[in-house]
């Protein structure tokens, strides 16, 4: 039973990262922005945005909120859980 819980948790993290990285890149490209421009707007580095988009890094809650505010979308949308 313990293994099932860990597997489910890992699947949830994977789903989160896949949805997030795809949506972040999609939103950035729709606005015609490069990673540096997004990074400056939310007070991050280009390397951090790149890490998010390739799935190497994940944002904390404050950063997630900044990104949602910047792109004017819900956290559920940015995380890939819902459609607009």
PDB file of N, CA and C in Angstrom:
ATOM      1  N   UNK A   1       0.825  -1.202   0.000  1.00  0.00           N
ATOM      2  CA  UNK A   1       0.000   0.000   0.000  1.00  0.00           C
ATOM      3  C   UNK A   1       0.867   1.263   0.000  1.00  0.00           C
ATOM      4  N   UNK A   2       1.961   1.209   0.722  1.00  0.00           N
ATOM      5  CA  UNK A   2       2.841   2.363   0.783  1.00  0.00           C
ATOM      6  C   UNK A   2       3.389   2.721  -0.605  1.00  0.00           C
ATOM      7  N   UNK A   3       3.701   1.701  -1.388  1.00  0.00           N
ATOM      8  CA  UNK A   3       4.232   1.931  -2.725  1.00  0.00           C
ATOM      9  C   UNK A   3       3.219   2.614  -3.632  1.00  0.00           C
ATOM     10  N   UNK A   4       1.953   2.264  -3.475  1.00  0.00           N
ATOM     11  CA  UNK A   4       0.905   2.877  -4.285  1.00  0.00           C
ATOM     12  C   UNK A   4       0.823   4.376  -3.978  1.00  0.00           C
ATOM     13  N   UNK A   5       0.910   4.742  -2.705  1.00  0.00           N
ATOM     14  CA  UNK A   5       0.860   6.158  -2.333  1.00  0.00           C
ATOM     15  C   UNK A   5       2.029   6.920  -2.940  1.00  0.00           C
ATOM     16  N   UNK A   6       3.227   6.336  -2.860  1.00  0.00           N
ATOM     17  CA  UNK A   6       4.403   7.003  -3.414  1.00  0.00           C
ATOM     18  C   UNK A   6       4.295   7.114  -4.927  1.00  0.00           C
ATOM     19  N   UNK A   7       3.806   6.073  -5.568  1.00  0.00           N
ATOM     20  CA  UNK A   7       3.633   6.105  -7.021  1.00  0.00           C
ATOM     21  C   UNK A   7       2.639   7.186  -7.415  1.00  0.00           C
ATOM     22  N   UNK A   8       1.520   7.265  -6.700  1.00  0.00           N
ATOM     23  CA  UNK A   8       0.509   8.283  -6.997  1.00  0.00           C
ATOM     24  C   UNK A   8       1.065   9.689  -6.793  1.00  0.00           C
ATOM     25  N   UNK A   9       1.865   9.867  -5.753  1.00  0.00           N
ATOM     26  CA  UNK A   9       2.467  11.174  -5.494  1.00  0.00           C
ATOM     27  C   UNK A   9       3.428  11.538  -6.615  1.00  0.00           C
ATOM     28  N   UNK A  10       4.243  10.591  -7.052  1.00  0.00           N
ATOM     29  CA  UNK A  10       5.186  10.857  -8.145  1.00  0.00           C
ATOM     30  C   UNK A  10       4.458  11.161  -9.441  1.00  0.00           C
ATOM     31  N   UNK A  11       3.372  10.457  -9.706  1.00  0.00           N
ATOM     32  CA  UNK A  11       2.589  10.732 -10.914  1.00  0.00           C
ATOM     33  C   UNK A  11       2.000  12.128 -10.861  1.00  0.00           C
ATOM     34  N   UNK A  12       1.549  12.541  -9.692  1.00  0.00           N
ATOM     35  CA  UNK A  12       1.003  13.889  -9.533  1.00  0.00           C
ATOM     36  C   UNK A  12       2.042  14.956  -9.793  1.00  0.00           C
ATOM     37  N   UNK A  13       3.265  14.746  -9.294  1.00  0.00           N
ATOM     38  CA  UNK A  13       4.348  15.697  -9.518  1.00  0.00           C
ATOM     39  C   UNK A  13       4.694  15.749 -11.002  1.00  0.00           C
ATOM     40  N   UNK A  14       4.771  14.603 -11.642  1.00  0.00           N
ATOM     41  CA  UNK A  14       5.084  14.550 -13.069  1.00  0.00           C
ATOM     42  C   UNK A  14       4.014  15.286 -13.870  1.00  0.00           C
ATOM     43  N   UNK A  15       2.763  15.042 -13.555  1.00  0.00           N
ATOM     44  CA  UNK A  15       1.670  15.705 -14.266  1.00  0.00           C
ATOM     45  C   UNK A  15       1.754  17.214 -14.084  1.00  0.00           C
ATOM     46  N   UNK A  16       2.028  17.641 -12.860  1.00  0.00           N
ATOM     47  CA  UNK A  16       2.154  19.061 -12.558  1.00  0.00           C
ATOM     48  C   UNK A  16       3.251  19.681 -13.411  1.00  0.00           C
ATOM     49  N   UNK A  17       4.422  19.053 -13.421  1.00  0.00           N
ATOM     50  CA  UNK A  17       5.548  19.622 -14.144  1.00  0.00           C
ATOM     51  C   UNK A  17       5.314  19.633 -15.650  1.00  0.00           C
ATOM     52  N   UNK A  18       4.735  18.582 -16.189  1.00  0.00           N
ATOM     53  CA  UNK A  18       4.473  18.544 -17.624  1.00  0.00           C
ATOM     54  C   UNK A  18       3.486  19.636 -18.025  1.00  0.00           C
ATOM     55  N   UNK A  19       2.387  19.741 -17.289  1.00  0.00           N
ATOM     56  CA  UNK A  19       1.390  20.764 -17.610  1.00  0.00           C
ATOM     57  C   UNK A  19       1.942  22.161 -17.448  1.00  0.00           C
ATOM     58  N   UNK A  20       2.667  22.384 -16.367  1.00  0.00           N
ATOM     59  CA  UNK A  20       3.215  23.704 -16.085  1.00  0.00           C
ATOM     60  C   UNK A  20       4.219  24.133 -17.146  1.00  0.00           C
ATOM     61  N   UNK A  21       5.187  23.271 -17.448  1.00  0.00           N
ATOM     62  CA  UNK A  21       6.227  23.691 -18.389  1.00  0.00           C
ATOM     63  C   UNK A  21       5.655  23.959 -19.782  1.00  0.00           C
ATOM     64  N   UNK A  22       4.690  23.162 -20.189  1.00  0.00           N
ATOM     65  CA  UNK A  22       4.075  23.373 -21.502  1.00  0.00           C
ATOM     66  C   UNK A  22       3.263  24.663 -21.543  1.00  0.00           C
ATOM     67  N   UNK A  23       2.462  24.887 -20.500  1.00  0.00           N
ATOM     68  CA  UNK A  23       1.629  26.102 -20.472  1.00  0.00           C
ATOM     69  C   UNK A  23       2.471  27.354 -20.375  1.00  0.00           C
ATOM     70  N   UNK A  24       3.523  27.321 -19.565  1.00  0.00           N
ATOM     71  CA  UNK A  24       4.368  28.499 -19.404  1.00  0.00           C
ATOM     72  C   UNK A  24       4.980  28.901 -20.749  1.00  0.00           C
ATOM     73  N   UNK A  25       5.542  27.946 -21.450  1.00  0.00           N
ATOM     74  CA  UNK A  25       6.148  28.242 -22.749  1.00  0.00           C
ATOM     75  C   UNK A  25       5.094  28.721 -23.748  1.00  0.00           C
ATOM     76  N   UNK A  26       3.951  28.063 -23.735  1.00  0.00           N
ATOM     77  CA  UNK A  26       2.861  28.432 -24.643  1.00  0.00           C
ATOM     78  C   UNK A  26       2.413  29.870 -24.404  1.00  0.00           C
ATOM     79  N   UNK A  27       2.200  30.234 -23.150  1.00  0.00           N
ATOM     80  CA  UNK A  27       1.765  31.595 -22.820  1.00  0.00           C
ATOM     81  C   UNK A  27       2.822  32.624 -23.199  1.00  0.00           C
ATOM     82  N   UNK A  28       4.066  32.301 -22.911  1.00  0.00           N
ATOM     83  CA  UNK A  28       5.160  33.216 -23.249  1.00  0.00           C
ATOM     84  C   UNK A  28       5.218  33.459 -24.755  1.00  0.00           C
ATOM     85  N   UNK A  29       5.145  32.386 -25.517  1.00  0.00           N
ATOM     86  CA  UNK A  29       5.220  32.521 -26.976  1.00  0.00           C
ATOM     87  C   UNK A  29       4.002  33.235 -27.553  1.00  0.00           C
ATOM     88  N   UNK A  30       2.813  32.995 -26.983  1.00  0.00           N
ATOM     89  CA  UNK A  30       1.606  33.687 -27.447  1.00  0.00           C
ATOM     90  C   UNK A  30       1.737  35.194 -27.293  1.00  0.00           C
ATOM     91  N   UNK A  31       2.429  35.634 -26.232  1.00  0.00           N
ATOM     92  CA  UNK A  31       2.621  37.064 -26.012  1.00  0.00           C
ATOM     93  C   UNK A  31       3.810  37.613 -26.792  1.00  0.00           C
ATOM     94  N   UNK A  32       4.525  36.722 -27.497  1.00  0.00           N
ATOM     95  CA  UNK A  32       5.671  37.159 -28.284  1.00  0.00           C
ATOM     96  C   UNK A  32       6.846  37.598 -27.431  1.00  0.00           C
ATOM     97  N   UNK A  33       7.000  36.982 -26.267  1.00  0.00           N
ATOM     98  CA  UNK A  33       8.068  37.360 -25.342  1.00  0.00           C
ATOM     99  C   UNK A  33       9.167  36.304 -25.313  1.00  0.00           C
ATOM    100  N   UNK A  34      10.374  36.749 -24.998  1.00  0.00           N
ATOM    101  CA  UNK A  34      11.437  35.777 -24.776  1.00  0.00           C
ATOM    102  C   UNK A  34      11.543  35.514 -23.269  1.00  0.00           C
ATOM    103  N   UNK A  35      12.351  34.565 -22.906  1.00  0.00           N
ATOM    104  CA  UNK A  35      12.462  34.179 -21.499  1.00  0.00           C
ATOM    105  C   UNK A  35      12.983  35.317 -20.631  1.00  0.00           C
ATOM    106  N   UNK A  36      13.882  36.100 -21.160  1.00  0.00           N
ATOM    107  CA  UNK A  36      14.438  37.222 -20.400  1.00  0.00           C
ATOM    108  C   UNK A  36      13.367  38.254 -20.070  1.00  0.00           C
ATOM    109  N   UNK A  37      12.488  38.530 -21.004  1.00  0.00           N
ATOM    110  CA  UNK A  37      11.420  39.511 -20.779  1.00  0.00           C
ATOM    111  C   UNK A  37      10.460  39.036 -19.698  1.00  0.00           C
ATOM    112  N   UNK A  38      10.108  37.767 -19.730  1.00  0.00           N
ATOM    113  CA  UNK A  38       9.230  37.226 -18.689  1.00  0.00           C
ATOM    114  C   UNK A  38       9.942  37.259 -17.347  1.00  0.00           C
ATOM    115  N   UNK A  39      11.195  36.872 -17.342  1.00  0.00           N
ATOM    116  CA  UNK A  39      11.973  36.852 -16.099  1.00  0.00           C
ATOM    117  C   UNK A  39      12.019  38.234 -15.448  1.00  0.00           C
ATOM    118  N   UNK A  40      12.283  39.255 -16.241  1.00  0.00           N
ATOM    119  CA  UNK A  40      12.331  40.627 -15.707  1.00  0.00           C
ATOM    120  C   UNK A  40      10.982  41.043 -15.148  1.00  0.00           C
ATOM    121  N   UNK A  41       9.918  40.660 -15.814  1.00  0.00           N
ATOM    122  CA  UNK A  41       8.577  41.060 -15.391  1.00  0.00           C
ATOM    123  C   UNK A  41       8.189  40.476 -14.038  1.00  0.00           C
ATOM    124  N   UNK A  42       8.717  39.306 -13.726  1.00  0.00           N
ATOM    125  CA  UNK A  42       8.349  38.654 -12.451  1.00  0.00           C
ATOM    126  C   UNK A  42       9.540  38.555 -11.503  1.00  0.00           C
ATOM    127  N   UNK A  43      10.594  39.328 -11.784  1.00  0.00           N
ATOM    128  CA  UNK A  43      11.762  39.430 -10.921  1.00  0.00           C
ATOM    129  C   UNK A  43      12.499  38.093 -10.732  1.00  0.00           C
ATOM    130  N   UNK A  44      12.751  37.423 -11.854  1.00  0.00           N
ATOM    131  CA  UNK A  44      13.518  36.176 -11.856  1.00  0.00           C
ATOM    132  C   UNK A  44      14.647  36.305 -12.867  1.00  0.00           C
ATOM    133  N   UNK A  45      15.409  35.248 -13.049  1.00  0.00           N
ATOM    134  CA  UNK A  45      16.440  35.238 -14.075  1.00  0.00           C
ATOM    135  C   UNK A  45      15.952  34.439 -15.279  1.00  0.00           C
ATOM    136  N   UNK A  46      16.588  34.678 -16.410  1.00  0.00           N
ATOM    137  CA  UNK A  46      16.261  33.924 -17.617  1.00  0.00           C
ATOM    138  C   UNK A  46      16.530  32.446 -17.385  1.00  0.00           C
ATOM    139  N   UNK A  47      17.586  32.120 -16.648  1.00  0.00           N
ATOM    140  CA  UNK A  47      17.928  30.727 -16.361  1.00  0.00           C
ATOM    141  C   UNK A  47      16.815  30.031 -15.584  1.00  0.00           C
ATOM    142  N   UNK A  48      16.170  30.744 -14.682  1.00  0.00           N
ATOM    143  CA  UNK A  48      15.069  30.171 -13.912  1.00  0.00           C
ATOM    144  C   UNK A  48      13.886  29.868 -14.821  1.00  0.00           C
ATOM    145  N   UNK A  49      13.527  30.813 -15.679  1.00  0.00           N
ATOM    146  CA  UNK A  49      12.418  30.580 -16.613  1.00  0.00           C
ATOM    147  C   UNK A  49      12.746  29.401 -17.523  1.00  0.00           C
ATOM    148  N   UNK A  50      13.956  29.350 -18.008  1.00  0.00           N
ATOM    149  CA  UNK A  50      14.377  28.224 -18.843  1.00  0.00           C
ATOM    150  C   UNK A  50      14.237  26.907 -18.076  1.00  0.00           C
ATOM    151  N   UNK A  51      14.653  26.900 -16.828  1.00  0.00           N
ATOM    152  CA  UNK A  51      14.531  25.704 -15.997  1.00  0.00           C
ATOM    153  C   UNK A  51      13.092  25.263 -15.825  1.00  0.00           C
ATOM    154  N   UNK A  52      12.194  26.223 -15.693  1.00  0.00           N
ATOM    155  CA  UNK A  52      10.765  25.895 -15.598  1.00  0.00           C
ATOM    156  C   UNK A  52      10.280  25.259 -16.901  1.00  0.00           C
ATOM    157  N   UNK A  53      10.684  25.841 -18.011  1.00  0.00           N
ATOM    158  CA  UNK A  53      10.179  25.380 -19.310  1.00  0.00           C
ATOM    159  C   UNK A  53      10.716  24.011 -19.725  1.00  0.00           C
ATOM    160  N   UNK A  54      11.872  23.634 -19.226  1.00  0.00           N
ATOM    161  CA  UNK A  54      12.389  22.303 -19.555  1.00  0.00           C
ATOM    162  C   UNK A  54      12.079  21.288 -18.458  1.00  0.00           C
ATOM    163  N   UNK A  55      11.476  21.750 -17.375  1.00  0.00           N
ATOM    164  CA  UNK A  55      11.079  20.847 -16.308  1.00  0.00           C
ATOM    165  C   UNK A  55      12.170  20.544 -15.300  1.00  0.00           C
ATOM    166  N   UNK A  56      13.232  21.325 -15.318  1.00  0.00           N
ATOM    167  CA  UNK A  56      14.344  21.139 -14.399  1.00  0.00           C
ATOM    168  C   UNK A  56      14.066  21.777 -13.045  1.00  0.00           C
ATOM    169  N   UNK A  57      13.260  22.817 -13.038  1.00  0.00           N
ATOM    170  CA  UNK A  57      12.924  23.544 -11.810  1.00  0.00           C
ATOM    171  C   UNK A  57      11.423  23.652 -11.695  1.00  0.00           C
ATOM    172  N   UNK A  58      10.959  23.946 -10.484  1.00  0.00           N
ATOM    173  CA  UNK A  58       9.539  24.218 -10.271  1.00  0.00           C
ATOM    174  C   UNK A  58       9.406  25.432  -9.374  1.00  0.00           C
ATOM    175  N   UNK A  59       8.373  26.241  -9.598  1.00  0.00           N
ATOM    176  CA  UNK A  59       8.227  27.489  -8.844  1.00  0.00           C
ATOM    177  C   UNK A  59       7.666  27.265  -7.449  1.00  0.00           C
ATOM    178  N   UNK A  60       7.992  28.192  -6.550  1.00  0.00           N
ATOM    179  CA  UNK A  60       7.321  28.193  -5.257  1.00  0.00           C
ATOM    180  C   UNK A  60       5.965  28.885  -5.440  1.00  0.00           C
ATOM    181  N   UNK A  61       5.165  28.932  -4.393  1.00  0.00           N
ATOM    182  CA  UNK A  61       3.811  29.480  -4.518  1.00  0.00           C
ATOM    183  C   UNK A  61       3.815  30.967  -4.877  1.00  0.00           C
ATOM    184  N   UNK A  62       4.733  31.730  -4.299  1.00  0.00           N
ATOM    185  CA  UNK A  62       4.780  33.167  -4.600  1.00  0.00           C
ATOM    186  C   UNK A  62       5.116  33.415  -6.070  1.00  0.00           C
ATOM    187  N   UNK A  63       6.056  32.644  -6.589  1.00  0.00           N
ATOM    188  CA  UNK A  63       6.435  32.783  -7.990  1.00  0.00           C
ATOM    189  C   UNK A  63       5.306  32.340  -8.905  1.00  0.00           C
ATOM    190  N   UNK A  64       4.632  31.267  -8.534  1.00  0.00           N
ATOM    191  CA  UNK A  64       3.485  30.802  -9.308  1.00  0.00           C
ATOM    192  C   UNK A  64       2.428  31.901  -9.392  1.00  0.00           C
ATOM    193  N   UNK A  65       2.178  32.565  -8.272  1.00  0.00           N
ATOM    194  CA  UNK A  65       1.199  33.654  -8.267  1.00  0.00           C
ATOM    195  C   UNK A  65       1.647  34.807  -9.167  1.00  0.00           C
ATOM    196  N   UNK A  66       2.925  35.150  -9.118  1.00  0.00           N
ATOM    197  CA  UNK A  66       3.439  36.223  -9.983  1.00  0.00           C
ATOM    198  C   UNK A  66       3.258  35.875 -11.455  1.00  0.00           C
ATOM    199  N   UNK A  67       3.547  34.630 -11.795  1.00  0.00           N
ATOM    200  CA  UNK A  67       3.391  34.205 -13.189  1.00  0.00           C
ATOM    201  C   UNK A  67       1.926  34.234 -13.611  1.00  0.00           C
ATOM    202  N   UNK A  68       1.048  33.788 -12.727  1.00  0.00           N
ATOM    203  CA  UNK A  68      -0.395  33.823 -13.028  1.00  0.00           C
ATOM    204  C   UNK A  68      -0.865  35.256 -13.225  1.00  0.00           C
ATOM    205  N   UNK A  69      -0.441  36.140 -12.358  1.00  0.00           N
ATOM    206  CA  UNK A  69      -0.825  37.547 -12.482  1.00  0.00           C
ATOM    207  C   UNK A  69      -0.286  38.141 -13.784  1.00  0.00           C
ATOM    208  N   UNK A  70       0.958  37.848 -14.099  1.00  0.00           N
ATOM    209  CA  UNK A  70       1.570  38.394 -15.309  1.00  0.00           C
ATOM    210  C   UNK A  70       0.843  37.929 -16.564  1.00  0.00           C
ATOM    211  N   UNK A  71       0.541  36.638 -16.624  1.00  0.00           N
ATOM    212  CA  UNK A  71      -0.123  36.095 -17.810  1.00  0.00           C
ATOM    213  C   UNK A  71      -1.649  36.189 -17.745  1.00  0.00           C
ATOM    214  N   UNK A  72      -2.175  36.662 -16.619  1.00  0.00           N
ATOM    215  CA  UNK A  72      -3.613  36.824 -16.404  1.00  0.00           C
ATOM    216  C   UNK A  72      -4.370  35.514 -16.597  1.00  0.00           C
ATOM    217  N   UNK A  73      -3.867  34.463 -15.931  1.00  0.00           N
ATOM    218  CA  UNK A  73      -4.509  33.150 -15.950  1.00  0.00           C
ATOM    219  C   UNK A  73      -4.585  32.615 -14.523  1.00  0.00           C
ATOM    220  N   UNK A  74      -5.419  31.604 -14.329  1.00  0.00           N
ATOM    221  CA  UNK A  74      -5.530  30.977 -13.016  1.00  0.00           C
ATOM    222  C   UNK A  74      -4.371  30.004 -12.808  1.00  0.00           C
ATOM    223  N   UNK A  75      -4.120  29.684 -11.551  1.00  0.00           N
ATOM    224  CA  UNK A  75      -3.095  28.688 -11.239  1.00  0.00           C
ATOM    225  C   UNK A  75      -3.486  27.340 -11.832  1.00  0.00           C
ATOM    226  N   UNK A  76      -4.756  27.012 -11.802  1.00  0.00           N
ATOM    227  CA  UNK A  76      -5.219  25.756 -12.374  1.00  0.00           C
ATOM    228  C   UNK A  76      -4.899  25.659 -13.852  1.00  0.00           C
ATOM    229  N   UNK A  77      -5.049  26.768 -14.557  1.00  0.00           N
ATOM    230  CA  UNK A  77      -4.716  26.765 -15.986  1.00  0.00           C
ATOM    231  C   UNK A  77      -3.213  26.637 -16.183  1.00  0.00           C
ATOM    232  N   UNK A  78      -2.434  27.445 -15.468  1.00  0.00           N
ATOM    233  CA  UNK A  78      -0.980  27.417 -15.644  1.00  0.00           C
ATOM    234  C   UNK A  78      -0.392  26.059 -15.275  1.00  0.00           C
ATOM    235  N   UNK A  79      -1.000  25.386 -14.324  1.00  0.00           N
ATOM    236  CA  UNK A  79      -0.515  24.066 -13.920  1.00  0.00           C
ATOM    237  C   UNK A  79      -1.012  22.953 -14.833  1.00  0.00           C
ATOM    238  N   UNK A  80      -1.907  23.284 -15.746  1.00  0.00           N
ATOM    239  CA  UNK A  80      -2.385  22.300 -16.705  1.00  0.00           C
ATOM    240  C   UNK A  80      -3.585  21.506 -16.237  1.00  0.00           C
ATOM    241  N   UNK A  81      -4.242  21.974 -15.181  1.00  0.00           N
ATOM    242  CA  UNK A  81      -5.395  21.240 -14.641  1.00  0.00           C
ATOM    243  C   UNK A  81      -6.717  21.663 -15.249  1.00  0.00           C
ATOM    244  N   UNK A  82      -6.747  22.829 -15.888  1.00  0.00           N
ATOM    245  CA  UNK A  82      -8.009  23.299 -16.460  1.00  0.00           C
ATOM    246  C   UNK A  82      -7.753  24.063 -17.743  1.00  0.00           C
ATOM    247  N   UNK A  83      -8.796  24.223 -18.499  1.00  0.00           N
ATOM    248  CA  UNK A  83      -8.729  25.004 -19.735  1.00  0.00           C
ATOM    249  C   UNK A  83      -9.322  26.379 -19.479  1.00  0.00           C
ATOM    250  N   UNK A  84      -9.017  27.316 -20.338  1.00  0.00           N
ATOM    251  CA  UNK A  84      -9.594  28.674 -20.184  1.00  0.00           C
ATOM    252  C   UNK A  84     -11.028  28.653 -20.642  1.00  0.00           C
TER     253      UNK A  84
END
